[in-house]
Amino acid sequence: MQINWAPAHCDALRECLANGMSFAEAADAINTMFGAAYSRNATIGRAKRMGLAALDQPKRLSKVPQESKRSRSHRNREDAAELKPEPPAAEPPRRLKLRCVQIRPRHLELIELEAGDCRYPYGGDAEGEAITFCGHPQRERSSYCLGHFNLTRGPGTASERAAIPVALRLVAAA
């Protein structure tokens, strides 16, 4: 691996790229001329540091791609498919508001909440929509009432909740 490029090597790189050679071809030519061991990536890096515009060269194709028989036979079907009208775009699904069946929240504002009231929030989904809170008595060592505690955490231990999806009694709000 050579780190320093000799000025003659830089001139050869500039000349190779001016002649339309790829970076790999330029590396091979310079290695042959000077007995060096530059890689394609080394020539790309050096050309970039030299400010050569060869990086914008269009890539040359070695072979012109030919249409396969299969693509020609399917062309008529594709043309016919293009003539068919597009199906109408499906409406995005309506967002459902879910609530727990057994809990009828008191819808207290934040300043109305007292110590021991459930802090489960309702609303705030739309911009400017007020946020209210459940307000029922909290479960011991929790910020939520029993129903909202189970809604947010589910029954069982943390490992059980992670392993088995918890079935919650939810219905779509009308």
N, C-alpha and C. Protein backbone atom coordinates (compact mmCIF):
# COMPACT_ATOMS: atom_id res chain seq x y z
N MET A 1 0.85 -1.17 0.00
CA MET A 1 0.00 0.00 0.00
C MET A 1 0.89 1.23 0.00
N GLN A 2 0.71 2.07 -0.98
CA GLN A 2 1.50 3.30 -1.06
C GLN A 2 0.67 4.46 -0.57
N ILE A 3 1.30 5.31 0.24
CA ILE A 3 0.57 6.43 0.82
C ILE A 3 0.82 7.70 0.00
N ASN A 4 2.06 7.96 -0.34
CA ASN A 4 2.39 9.18 -1.06
C ASN A 4 2.40 8.94 -2.56
N TRP A 5 1.76 9.81 -3.27
CA TRP A 5 1.74 9.73 -4.73
C TRP A 5 2.85 10.62 -5.27
N ALA A 6 3.68 10.04 -6.09
CA ALA A 6 4.74 10.82 -6.74
C ALA A 6 4.10 11.75 -7.77
N PRO A 7 4.71 12.91 -8.03
CA PRO A 7 4.15 13.84 -9.02
C PRO A 7 3.95 13.19 -10.39
N ALA A 8 4.84 12.29 -10.78
CA ALA A 8 4.68 11.62 -12.08
C ALA A 8 3.44 10.73 -12.07
N HIS A 9 3.14 10.11 -10.94
CA HIS A 9 1.96 9.27 -10.83
C HIS A 9 0.69 10.12 -10.93
N CYS A 10 0.74 11.30 -10.28
CA CYS A 10 -0.42 12.21 -10.34
C CYS A 10 -0.66 12.68 -11.77
N ASP A 11 0.42 12.99 -12.48
CA ASP A 11 0.28 13.43 -13.87
C ASP A 11 -0.30 12.30 -14.72
N ALA A 12 0.16 11.06 -14.47
CA ALA A 12 -0.35 9.92 -15.23
C ALA A 12 -1.84 9.70 -14.93
N LEU A 13 -2.25 9.88 -13.67
CA LEU A 13 -3.65 9.74 -13.32
C LEU A 13 -4.49 10.79 -14.03
N ARG A 14 -4.01 12.02 -14.03
CA ARG A 14 -4.72 13.11 -14.71
C ARG A 14 -4.88 12.79 -16.20
N GLU A 15 -3.82 12.26 -16.80
CA GLU A 15 -3.84 11.94 -18.23
C GLU A 15 -4.79 10.76 -18.52
N CYS A 16 -4.75 9.74 -17.67
CA CYS A 16 -5.63 8.58 -17.88
C CYS A 16 -7.10 8.98 -17.79
N LEU A 17 -7.43 9.80 -16.82
CA LEU A 17 -8.82 10.22 -16.66
C LEU A 17 -9.25 11.14 -17.79
N ALA A 18 -8.33 11.95 -18.28
CA ALA A 18 -8.64 12.82 -19.42
C ALA A 18 -8.91 11.99 -20.68
N ASN A 19 -8.31 10.82 -20.78
CA ASN A 19 -8.52 9.93 -21.92
C ASN A 19 -9.78 9.08 -21.77
N GLY A 20 -10.53 9.28 -20.66
CA GLY A 20 -11.79 8.57 -20.49
C GLY A 20 -11.68 7.22 -19.83
N MET A 21 -10.55 6.93 -19.21
CA MET A 21 -10.39 5.65 -18.54
C MET A 21 -11.19 5.65 -17.23
N SER A 22 -11.62 4.46 -16.81
CA SER A 22 -12.25 4.33 -15.51
C SER A 22 -11.16 4.38 -14.45
N PHE A 23 -11.55 4.48 -13.20
CA PHE A 23 -10.55 4.53 -12.13
C PHE A 23 -9.79 3.21 -12.03
N ALA A 24 -10.48 2.10 -12.25
CA ALA A 24 -9.81 0.80 -12.21
C ALA A 24 -8.80 0.70 -13.35
N GLU A 25 -9.19 1.14 -14.54
CA GLU A 25 -8.27 1.11 -15.68
C GLU A 25 -7.09 2.04 -15.44
N ALA A 26 -7.35 3.21 -14.86
CA ALA A 26 -6.26 4.15 -14.57
C ALA A 26 -5.29 3.56 -13.56
N ALA A 27 -5.82 2.89 -12.54
CA ALA A 27 -4.96 2.25 -11.53
C ALA A 27 -4.09 1.18 -12.18
N ASP A 28 -4.70 0.35 -13.04
CA ASP A 28 -3.92 -0.69 -13.72
C ASP A 28 -2.84 -0.08 -14.59
N ALA A 29 -3.16 0.99 -15.32
CA ALA A 29 -2.18 1.63 -16.21
C ALA A 29 -1.02 2.22 -15.40
N ILE A 30 -1.33 2.91 -14.32
CA ILE A 30 -0.28 3.52 -13.49
C ILE A 30 0.58 2.43 -12.84
N ASN A 31 -0.07 1.37 -12.37
CA ASN A 31 0.69 0.27 -11.77
C ASN A 31 1.63 -0.38 -12.78
N THR A 32 1.17 -0.51 -14.02
CA THR A 32 2.01 -1.10 -15.07
C THR A 32 3.17 -0.18 -15.42
N MET A 33 2.87 1.13 -15.56
CA MET A 33 3.92 2.09 -15.94
C MET A 33 5.00 2.24 -14.88
N PHE A 34 4.59 2.30 -13.61
CA PHE A 34 5.55 2.66 -12.56
C PHE A 34 5.85 1.51 -11.60
N GLY A 35 5.24 0.36 -11.80
CA GLY A 35 5.47 -0.76 -10.88
C GLY A 35 4.87 -0.49 -9.50
N ALA A 36 3.80 0.30 -9.46
CA ALA A 36 3.16 0.65 -8.19
C ALA A 36 2.05 -0.37 -7.89
N ALA A 37 1.37 -0.16 -6.80
CA ALA A 37 0.29 -1.07 -6.41
C ALA A 37 -0.93 -0.27 -5.95
N TYR A 38 -1.38 0.66 -6.77
CA TYR A 38 -2.55 1.48 -6.42
C TYR A 38 -3.83 0.69 -6.70
N SER A 39 -4.79 0.85 -5.81
CA SER A 39 -6.10 0.22 -6.02
C SER A 39 -7.03 1.21 -6.71
N ARG A 40 -8.15 0.71 -7.14
CA ARG A 40 -9.17 1.56 -7.75
C ARG A 40 -9.60 2.66 -6.76
N ASN A 41 -9.81 2.27 -5.51
CA ASN A 41 -10.22 3.24 -4.50
C ASN A 41 -9.14 4.28 -4.23
N ALA A 42 -7.87 3.88 -4.32
CA ALA A 42 -6.79 4.83 -4.13
C ALA A 42 -6.80 5.87 -5.24
N THR A 43 -7.07 5.44 -6.47
CA THR A 43 -7.12 6.41 -7.57
C THR A 43 -8.33 7.33 -7.44
N ILE A 44 -9.44 6.80 -6.95
CA ILE A 44 -10.62 7.65 -6.73
C ILE A 44 -10.31 8.71 -5.68
N GLY A 45 -9.71 8.28 -4.57
CA GLY A 45 -9.37 9.22 -3.51
C GLY A 45 -8.38 10.27 -3.96
N ARG A 46 -7.37 9.85 -4.70
CA ARG A 46 -6.36 10.82 -5.18
C ARG A 46 -6.98 11.80 -6.17
N ALA A 47 -7.83 11.29 -7.06
CA ALA A 47 -8.48 12.17 -8.04
C ALA A 47 -9.37 13.18 -7.33
N LYS A 48 -10.03 12.75 -6.30
CA LYS A 48 -10.89 13.66 -5.54
C LYS A 48 -10.05 14.74 -4.85
N ARG A 49 -8.92 14.34 -4.25
CA ARG A 49 -8.05 15.32 -3.59
C ARG A 49 -7.41 16.27 -4.59
N MET A 50 -7.21 15.80 -5.81
CA MET A 50 -6.63 16.65 -6.85
C MET A 50 -7.68 17.57 -7.47
N GLY A 51 -8.95 17.33 -7.17
CA GLY A 51 -10.01 18.17 -7.70
C GLY A 51 -10.36 17.87 -9.14
N LEU A 52 -10.10 16.65 -9.57
CA LEU A 52 -10.41 16.29 -10.95
C LEU A 52 -11.90 16.05 -11.10
N ALA A 53 -12.46 16.45 -12.20
CA ALA A 53 -13.90 16.31 -12.44
C ALA A 53 -14.26 14.95 -12.98
N ALA A 54 -13.35 14.01 -12.94
CA ALA A 54 -13.61 12.69 -13.50
C ALA A 54 -14.66 11.92 -12.71
N LEU A 55 -14.95 12.37 -11.50
CA LEU A 55 -15.95 11.67 -10.71
C LEU A 55 -17.33 11.77 -11.35
N ASP A 56 -17.52 12.77 -12.19
CA ASP A 56 -18.81 12.98 -12.83
C ASP A 56 -18.91 12.27 -14.18
N GLN A 57 -17.91 11.46 -14.52
CA GLN A 57 -17.94 10.76 -15.81
C GLN A 57 -19.11 9.80 -15.85
N PRO A 58 -19.83 9.73 -16.97
CA PRO A 58 -20.89 8.73 -17.06
C PRO A 58 -20.27 7.34 -17.15
N LYS A 59 -20.93 6.39 -16.57
CA LYS A 59 -20.43 5.02 -16.60
C LYS A 59 -20.66 4.43 -17.99
N ARG A 60 -19.65 3.74 -18.47
CA ARG A 60 -19.77 3.11 -19.77
C ARG A 60 -20.29 1.70 -19.59
N LEU A 61 -21.22 1.30 -20.43
CA LEU A 61 -21.74 -0.05 -20.38
C LEU A 61 -20.92 -0.94 -21.29
N SER A 62 -20.48 -2.07 -20.78
CA SER A 62 -19.70 -2.98 -21.61
C SER A 62 -20.60 -3.72 -22.59
N LYS A 63 -21.83 -3.98 -22.20
CA LYS A 63 -22.77 -4.67 -23.08
C LYS A 63 -24.06 -3.87 -23.13
N VAL A 64 -24.66 -3.82 -24.28
CA VAL A 64 -25.95 -3.18 -24.42
C VAL A 64 -26.99 -4.20 -24.01
N PRO A 65 -27.81 -3.90 -23.01
CA PRO A 65 -28.79 -4.89 -22.58
C PRO A 65 -29.81 -5.18 -23.68
N GLN A 66 -30.05 -6.44 -23.90
CA GLN A 66 -31.00 -6.87 -24.92
C GLN A 66 -32.31 -7.24 -24.24
N GLU A 67 -33.42 -6.98 -24.90
CA GLU A 67 -34.71 -7.38 -24.36
C GLU A 67 -34.82 -8.90 -24.44
N SER A 68 -35.26 -9.51 -23.38
CA SER A 68 -35.45 -10.95 -23.42
C SER A 68 -36.77 -11.27 -24.11
N LYS A 69 -36.90 -12.51 -24.54
CA LYS A 69 -38.14 -12.92 -25.20
C LYS A 69 -39.32 -12.77 -24.26
N ARG A 70 -39.10 -13.04 -22.99
CA ARG A 70 -40.18 -12.97 -22.02
C ARG A 70 -40.69 -11.53 -21.92
N SER A 71 -39.77 -10.57 -21.85
CA SER A 71 -40.23 -9.18 -21.70
C SER A 71 -41.00 -8.72 -22.94
N ARG A 72 -40.60 -9.22 -24.14
CA ARG A 72 -41.34 -8.85 -25.34
C ARG A 72 -42.73 -9.46 -25.36
N SER A 73 -42.86 -10.71 -24.86
CA SER A 73 -44.17 -11.37 -24.88
C SER A 73 -45.11 -10.75 -23.86
N HIS A 74 -44.57 -10.20 -22.79
CA HIS A 74 -45.41 -9.59 -21.77
C HIS A 74 -45.72 -8.12 -22.08
N ARG A 75 -45.05 -7.56 -23.07
CA ARG A 75 -45.25 -6.15 -23.37
C ARG A 75 -46.71 -5.86 -23.74
N ASN A 76 -47.35 -6.74 -24.51
CA ASN A 76 -48.73 -6.50 -24.91
C ASN A 76 -49.66 -6.51 -23.70
N ARG A 77 -49.42 -7.41 -22.76
CA ARG A 77 -50.24 -7.43 -21.55
C ARG A 77 -50.04 -6.15 -20.75
N GLU A 78 -48.79 -5.69 -20.64
CA GLU A 78 -48.51 -4.47 -19.89
C GLU A 78 -49.17 -3.27 -20.56
N ASP A 79 -49.13 -3.22 -21.91
CA ASP A 79 -49.77 -2.12 -22.62
C ASP A 79 -51.27 -2.14 -22.38
N ALA A 80 -51.87 -3.33 -22.37
CA ALA A 80 -53.30 -3.45 -22.12
C ALA A 80 -53.63 -3.04 -20.69
N ALA A 81 -52.74 -3.37 -19.76
CA ALA A 81 -52.97 -3.01 -18.36
C ALA A 81 -52.91 -1.49 -18.18
N GLU A 82 -52.07 -0.82 -18.96
CA GLU A 82 -51.97 0.63 -18.86
C GLU A 82 -53.24 1.31 -19.33
N LEU A 83 -54.00 0.69 -20.21
CA LEU A 83 -55.22 1.29 -20.72
C LEU A 83 -56.38 1.20 -19.74
N LYS A 84 -56.31 0.26 -18.77
CA LYS A 84 -57.38 0.10 -17.80
C LYS A 84 -57.38 1.30 -16.85
N PRO A 85 -58.57 1.75 -16.47
CA PRO A 85 -58.61 2.87 -15.52
C PRO A 85 -58.12 2.42 -14.15
N GLU A 86 -57.49 3.35 -13.46
CA GLU A 86 -56.98 3.02 -12.13
C GLU A 86 -58.14 2.94 -11.15
N PRO A 87 -58.07 2.00 -10.22
CA PRO A 87 -59.14 1.92 -9.22
C PRO A 87 -59.07 3.15 -8.32
N PRO A 88 -60.20 3.58 -7.80
CA PRO A 88 -60.18 4.76 -6.93
C PRO A 88 -59.36 4.49 -5.68
N ALA A 89 -58.70 5.52 -5.22
CA ALA A 89 -57.86 5.38 -4.03
C ALA A 89 -58.73 5.11 -2.82
N ALA A 90 -58.31 4.16 -2.03
CA ALA A 90 -59.07 3.79 -0.83
C ALA A 90 -58.94 4.91 0.20
N GLU A 91 -60.02 5.15 0.91
CA GLU A 91 -59.98 6.15 1.96
C GLU A 91 -59.14 5.63 3.11
N PRO A 92 -58.35 6.51 3.74
CA PRO A 92 -57.57 6.04 4.88
C PRO A 92 -58.52 5.63 6.00
N PRO A 93 -58.15 4.62 6.76
CA PRO A 93 -59.05 4.16 7.82
C PRO A 93 -59.27 5.26 8.86
N ARG A 94 -60.49 5.33 9.35
CA ARG A 94 -60.83 6.32 10.35
C ARG A 94 -60.20 5.92 11.68
N ARG A 95 -59.63 6.88 12.36
CA ARG A 95 -59.00 6.61 13.64
C ARG A 95 -60.09 6.37 14.69
N LEU A 96 -59.97 5.27 15.40
CA LEU A 96 -60.95 4.92 16.40
C LEU A 96 -60.53 5.47 17.75
N LYS A 97 -61.49 5.99 18.47
CA LYS A 97 -61.24 6.39 19.85
C LYS A 97 -61.70 5.23 20.71
N LEU A 98 -60.81 4.74 21.54
CA LEU A 98 -61.12 3.59 22.37
C LEU A 98 -61.33 4.04 23.81
N ARG A 99 -62.19 3.35 24.49
CA ARG A 99 -62.39 3.62 25.91
C ARG A 99 -62.63 2.30 26.62
N CYS A 100 -62.41 2.30 27.88
CA CYS A 100 -62.65 1.10 28.68
C CYS A 100 -64.13 1.05 29.01
N VAL A 101 -64.76 -0.11 28.87
CA VAL A 101 -66.19 -0.26 29.03
C VAL A 101 -66.64 0.05 30.46
N GLN A 102 -65.89 -0.40 31.45
CA GLN A 102 -66.34 -0.32 32.83
C GLN A 102 -66.09 1.04 33.48
N ILE A 103 -65.37 1.93 32.84
CA ILE A 103 -64.99 3.18 33.48
C ILE A 103 -65.74 4.34 32.85
N ARG A 104 -66.41 5.10 33.68
CA ARG A 104 -67.05 6.33 33.23
C ARG A 104 -66.26 7.47 33.88
N PRO A 105 -65.37 8.12 33.11
CA PRO A 105 -64.51 9.15 33.71
C PRO A 105 -65.32 10.36 34.17
N ARG A 106 -64.77 11.05 35.14
CA ARG A 106 -65.40 12.26 35.66
C ARG A 106 -65.02 13.48 34.82
N HIS A 107 -64.02 13.37 33.94
CA HIS A 107 -63.54 14.44 33.07
C HIS A 107 -63.21 15.71 33.86
N LEU A 108 -62.30 15.55 34.81
CA LEU A 108 -61.84 16.68 35.61
C LEU A 108 -60.68 17.37 34.91
N GLU A 109 -60.60 18.68 35.04
CA GLU A 109 -59.43 19.41 34.52
C GLU A 109 -58.28 19.21 35.50
N LEU A 110 -57.09 19.53 35.05
CA LEU A 110 -55.90 19.31 35.86
C LEU A 110 -55.99 20.06 37.20
N ILE A 111 -56.49 21.27 37.18
CA ILE A 111 -56.54 22.05 38.43
C ILE A 111 -57.63 21.56 39.37
N GLU A 112 -58.56 20.76 38.86
CA GLU A 112 -59.63 20.20 39.69
C GLU A 112 -59.22 18.89 40.38
N LEU A 113 -58.14 18.27 39.91
CA LEU A 113 -57.70 17.00 40.48
C LEU A 113 -57.21 17.20 41.91
N GLU A 114 -57.53 16.27 42.78
CA GLU A 114 -57.05 16.29 44.15
C GLU A 114 -56.14 15.10 44.36
N ALA A 115 -55.44 15.12 45.48
CA ALA A 115 -54.55 13.99 45.80
C ALA A 115 -55.40 12.73 45.86
N GLY A 116 -54.95 11.69 45.22
CA GLY A 116 -55.67 10.42 45.23
C GLY A 116 -56.63 10.25 44.07
N ASP A 117 -56.72 11.22 43.16
CA ASP A 117 -57.58 11.09 41.98
C ASP A 117 -56.79 10.46 40.83
N CYS A 118 -57.47 9.66 40.02
CA CYS A 118 -56.86 9.00 38.86
C CYS A 118 -56.39 10.04 37.85
N ARG A 119 -55.16 9.89 37.37
CA ARG A 119 -54.56 10.85 36.42
C ARG A 119 -54.63 10.36 34.97
N TYR A 120 -55.48 9.40 34.66
CA TYR A 120 -55.57 8.89 33.29
C TYR A 120 -56.16 9.97 32.39
N PRO A 121 -55.44 10.37 31.30
CA PRO A 121 -55.90 11.48 30.47
C PRO A 121 -56.93 11.06 29.41
N TYR A 122 -57.81 11.97 29.10
CA TYR A 122 -58.78 11.82 28.01
C TYR A 122 -58.67 13.05 27.13
N GLY A 123 -58.83 12.86 25.81
CA GLY A 123 -58.83 13.99 24.88
C GLY A 123 -57.43 14.40 24.50
N GLY A 124 -57.31 15.59 23.89
CA GLY A 124 -56.02 16.10 23.44
C GLY A 124 -55.56 15.52 22.13
N ASP A 125 -56.39 14.70 21.48
CA ASP A 125 -56.00 14.08 20.21
C ASP A 125 -55.96 15.12 19.09
N ALA A 126 -56.95 15.99 19.07
CA ALA A 126 -57.00 17.03 18.04
C ALA A 126 -56.36 18.30 18.60
N GLU A 127 -55.83 19.10 17.73
CA GLU A 127 -55.19 20.33 18.16
C GLU A 127 -56.23 21.24 18.82
N GLY A 128 -55.90 21.71 19.99
CA GLY A 128 -56.80 22.59 20.71
C GLY A 128 -57.84 21.87 21.55
N GLU A 129 -57.92 20.55 21.45
CA GLU A 129 -58.90 19.79 22.22
C GLU A 129 -58.44 19.74 23.68
N ALA A 130 -59.35 19.99 24.59
CA ALA A 130 -59.02 20.00 26.00
C ALA A 130 -58.67 18.59 26.49
N ILE A 131 -57.77 18.54 27.46
CA ILE A 131 -57.40 17.28 28.09
C ILE A 131 -58.05 17.25 29.46
N THR A 132 -58.79 16.18 29.70
CA THR A 132 -59.40 15.98 31.01
C THR A 132 -58.86 14.68 31.58
N PHE A 133 -59.19 14.45 32.86
CA PHE A 133 -58.66 13.28 33.55
C PHE A 133 -59.79 12.49 34.18
N CYS A 134 -59.54 11.21 34.41
CA CYS A 134 -60.54 10.28 34.94
C CYS A 134 -61.11 10.77 36.27
N GLY A 135 -60.29 10.97 37.28
CA GLY A 135 -60.75 11.52 38.54
C GLY A 135 -61.27 10.52 39.55
N HIS A 136 -61.37 9.24 39.23
CA HIS A 136 -61.81 8.23 40.20
C HIS A 136 -60.68 7.98 41.21
N PRO A 137 -60.98 7.37 42.36
CA PRO A 137 -59.95 7.10 43.37
C PRO A 137 -58.83 6.22 42.80
N GLN A 138 -57.58 6.59 43.13
CA GLN A 138 -56.40 5.86 42.64
C GLN A 138 -56.27 4.51 43.31
N ARG A 139 -55.66 3.59 42.59
CA ARG A 139 -55.27 2.30 43.14
C ARG A 139 -54.08 2.55 44.05
N GLU A 140 -53.88 1.73 45.05
CA GLU A 140 -52.77 1.92 45.98
C GLU A 140 -51.43 1.85 45.24
N ARG A 141 -50.55 2.77 45.50
CA ARG A 141 -49.21 2.89 44.88
C ARG A 141 -49.28 3.02 43.37
N SER A 142 -50.26 3.78 42.85
CA SER A 142 -50.41 4.01 41.41
C SER A 142 -51.00 5.39 41.18
N SER A 143 -50.83 5.91 39.98
CA SER A 143 -51.44 7.19 39.61
C SER A 143 -52.81 6.99 38.99
N TYR A 144 -53.20 5.72 38.80
CA TYR A 144 -54.45 5.41 38.12
C TYR A 144 -55.41 4.64 39.01
N CYS A 145 -56.69 4.71 38.65
CA CYS A 145 -57.69 3.87 39.30
C CYS A 145 -57.46 2.43 38.85
N LEU A 146 -58.16 1.49 39.46
CA LEU A 146 -57.94 0.08 39.15
C LEU A 146 -58.16 -0.23 37.67
N GLY A 147 -59.24 0.30 37.09
CA GLY A 147 -59.52 0.04 35.67
C GLY A 147 -58.45 0.58 34.74
N HIS A 148 -57.99 1.80 34.99
CA HIS A 148 -56.95 2.37 34.12
C HIS A 148 -55.59 1.75 34.40
N PHE A 149 -55.36 1.32 35.63
CA PHE A 149 -54.11 0.61 35.93
C PHE A 149 -54.03 -0.65 35.08
N ASN A 150 -55.13 -1.42 35.06
CA ASN A 150 -55.13 -2.65 34.26
C ASN A 150 -55.10 -2.34 32.77
N LEU A 151 -55.69 -1.23 32.37
CA LEU A 151 -55.68 -0.84 30.96
C LEU A 151 -54.26 -0.52 30.50
N THR A 152 -53.50 0.16 31.35
CA THR A 152 -52.15 0.56 30.96
C THR A 152 -51.11 -0.51 31.22
N ARG A 153 -51.30 -1.33 32.23
CA ARG A 153 -50.29 -2.31 32.60
C ARG A 153 -50.70 -3.73 32.30
N GLY A 154 -51.97 -4.01 32.42
CA GLY A 154 -52.43 -5.37 32.24
C GLY A 154 -52.20 -6.20 33.47
N PRO A 155 -52.93 -7.29 33.62
CA PRO A 155 -52.75 -8.15 34.79
C PRO A 155 -51.49 -8.99 34.65
N GLY A 156 -51.00 -9.46 35.76
CA GLY A 156 -49.84 -10.35 35.75
C GLY A 156 -48.54 -9.60 35.94
N THR A 157 -47.46 -10.35 35.96
CA THR A 157 -46.13 -9.77 36.14
C THR A 157 -45.66 -9.16 34.83
N ALA A 158 -44.58 -8.40 34.89
CA ALA A 158 -44.05 -7.75 33.69
C ALA A 158 -43.67 -8.79 32.64
N SER A 159 -43.08 -9.91 33.04
CA SER A 159 -42.70 -10.94 32.07
C SER A 159 -43.93 -11.61 31.46
N GLU A 160 -44.99 -11.78 32.27
CA GLU A 160 -46.22 -12.35 31.72
C GLU A 160 -46.86 -11.39 30.72
N ARG A 161 -46.83 -10.10 31.04
CA ARG A 161 -47.42 -9.11 30.13
C ARG A 161 -46.65 -9.06 28.82
N ALA A 162 -45.34 -9.24 28.89
CA ALA A 162 -44.53 -9.19 27.67
C ALA A 162 -44.74 -10.44 26.82
N ALA A 163 -45.01 -11.57 27.47
CA ALA A 163 -45.12 -12.84 26.75
C ALA A 163 -46.51 -13.08 26.17
N ILE A 164 -47.54 -12.66 26.86
CA ILE A 164 -48.90 -12.96 26.44
C ILE A 164 -49.65 -11.65 26.22
N PRO A 165 -50.20 -11.45 25.02
CA PRO A 165 -50.97 -10.22 24.80
C PRO A 165 -52.17 -10.17 25.75
N VAL A 166 -52.34 -9.04 26.34
CA VAL A 166 -53.42 -8.87 27.31
C VAL A 166 -54.68 -8.48 26.56
N ALA A 167 -55.78 -9.20 26.86
CA ALA A 167 -57.05 -8.89 26.23
C ALA A 167 -57.75 -7.83 27.07
N LEU A 168 -57.93 -6.66 26.50
CA LEU A 168 -58.60 -5.57 27.18
C LEU A 168 -60.00 -5.41 26.62
N ARG A 169 -60.92 -5.08 27.49
CA ARG A 169 -62.27 -4.86 27.03
C ARG A 169 -62.40 -3.43 26.53
N LEU A 170 -62.20 -3.27 25.23
CA LEU A 170 -62.26 -1.96 24.60
C LEU A 170 -63.35 -1.96 23.54
N VAL A 171 -63.99 -0.86 23.40
CA VAL A 171 -64.97 -0.71 22.33
C VAL A 171 -64.74 0.62 21.66
N ALA A 172 -65.16 0.73 20.45
CA ALA A 172 -65.02 1.98 19.73
C ALA A 172 -66.02 2.99 20.26
N ALA A 173 -65.54 4.18 20.51
CA ALA A 173 -66.45 5.23 21.00
C ALA A 173 -67.32 5.71 19.85
N ALA A 174 -68.54 5.96 20.15
CA ALA A 174 -69.48 6.36 19.09
C ALA A 174 -69.30 7.80 18.70
